[in-house]
Amino acid sequence: MQSESEYELKTVKVSEKCQITIPSDIQKKTGIKKGDKLFIFLRENKILLEKEDKFVSQINDDFKDMKASAEYSLKKFWQNEPDGIWEQYLK
């Protein structure tokens, strides 16, 4: 079994429409299926593909503490009585 830091090298050919096919063994290992959405990242002329659901899940995990902290902090403002500041803009 490979660790996440190891790389697997495959060669693919770019079609006339600039499309590529992801090799089936990589599709199986990554869980990519027909109709899945992928994010494509370009960094220093290197391309990275990531499944949309995995990326969104990772972002949610990365920011869950920040979200909880922000919600806790903002509750002070949300639970306050109206102070009239915004009424001038809502007319």
Protein backbone atom coordinates (compact mmCIF):
# COMPACT_ATOMS: atom_id res chain seq x y z
CA MET A 1 0.00 0.00 0.00
CA GLN A 2 1.28 3.46 -0.90
CA SER A 3 1.45 6.33 1.52
CA GLU A 4 -0.10 9.67 0.58
CA SER A 5 3.37 11.16 0.09
CA GLU A 6 4.21 8.63 -2.63
CA TYR A 7 3.44 9.40 -6.25
CA GLU A 8 2.04 7.14 -8.91
CA LEU A 9 3.14 7.93 -12.45
CA LYS A 10 0.79 7.38 -15.39
CA THR A 11 0.92 8.62 -18.96
CA VAL A 12 -2.24 9.90 -20.64
CA LYS A 13 -2.74 11.33 -24.10
CA VAL A 14 -4.49 14.63 -24.77
CA SER A 15 -7.26 14.25 -27.37
CA GLU A 16 -8.02 16.62 -30.25
CA LYS A 17 -10.48 18.38 -27.93
CA CYS A 18 -7.76 18.73 -25.24
CA GLN A 19 -9.44 16.07 -23.09
CA ILE A 20 -7.73 13.35 -21.08
CA THR A 21 -8.97 10.07 -19.64
CA ILE A 22 -8.16 9.24 -16.05
CA PRO A 23 -6.83 5.67 -15.91
CA SER A 24 -9.33 3.21 -14.45
CA ASP A 25 -7.05 2.10 -11.59
CA ILE A 26 -6.70 5.72 -10.47
CA GLN A 27 -10.46 6.20 -10.79
CA LYS A 28 -11.00 3.21 -8.48
CA LYS A 29 -8.41 4.34 -5.92
CA THR A 30 -9.81 7.87 -5.79
CA GLY A 31 -13.48 6.95 -6.08
CA ILE A 32 -13.96 9.06 -9.21
CA LYS A 33 -17.10 8.06 -11.10
CA LYS A 34 -18.90 9.23 -14.22
CA GLY A 35 -20.60 12.56 -13.55
CA ASP A 36 -18.39 13.54 -10.60
CA LYS A 37 -17.23 17.14 -10.49
CA LEU A 38 -13.52 17.79 -10.08
CA PHE A 39 -11.64 20.92 -9.09
CA ILE A 40 -8.56 21.61 -11.16
CA PHE A 41 -5.75 23.60 -9.59
CA LEU A 42 -2.77 25.08 -11.39
CA ARG A 43 0.31 25.96 -9.40
CA GLU A 44 3.71 26.65 -10.89
CA ASN A 45 2.66 24.89 -14.13
CA LYS A 46 1.60 21.77 -12.21
CA ILE A 47 -1.98 20.47 -12.40
CA LEU A 48 -3.82 18.95 -9.46
CA LEU A 49 -7.29 17.39 -9.66
CA GLU A 50 -9.47 16.93 -6.56
CA LYS A 51 -12.98 15.56 -6.23
CA GLU A 52 -15.40 18.35 -5.38
CA ASP A 53 -16.97 16.55 -2.41
CA LYS A 54 -13.58 15.68 -0.92
CA PHE A 55 -12.36 19.26 -1.35
CA VAL A 56 -15.48 20.78 0.21
CA SER A 57 -15.30 18.30 3.09
CA GLN A 58 -11.64 19.17 3.71
CA ILE A 59 -12.37 22.92 3.65
CA ASN A 60 -15.22 22.44 6.12
CA ASP A 61 -12.93 20.43 8.39
CA ASP A 62 -10.12 23.00 8.10
CA PHE A 63 -12.39 25.90 9.03
CA LYS A 64 -14.78 24.28 11.52
CA ASP A 65 -13.00 25.80 14.53
CA MET A 66 -12.94 29.23 12.91
CA LYS A 67 -16.64 28.98 12.05
CA ALA A 68 -17.56 27.96 15.60
CA SER A 69 -15.47 30.80 17.02
CA ALA A 70 -17.01 33.35 14.67
CA GLU A 71 -20.53 32.19 15.47
CA TYR A 72 -19.82 32.38 19.20
CA SER A 73 -18.37 35.88 18.86
CA LEU A 74 -21.19 37.15 16.67
CA LYS A 75 -23.93 35.86 18.96
CA LYS A 76 -23.23 38.90 21.14
CA PHE A 77 -24.32 41.13 18.26
CA TRP A 78 -27.15 38.93 17.02
CA GLN A 79 -28.77 38.69 20.45
CA ASN A 80 -28.55 42.42 21.22
CA GLU A 81 -31.56 44.69 21.00
CA PRO A 82 -31.60 46.84 17.83
CA ASP A 83 -29.51 49.95 18.32
CA GLY A 84 -30.86 51.96 15.40
CA ILE A 85 -27.62 52.11 13.44
CA TRP A 86 -28.87 50.12 10.45
CA GLU A 87 -32.39 51.53 10.29
CA GLN A 88 -31.13 54.54 8.32
CA TYR A 89 -29.91 52.21 5.58
CA LEU A 90 -33.05 50.07 5.48
CA LYS A 91 -35.40 52.94 4.53
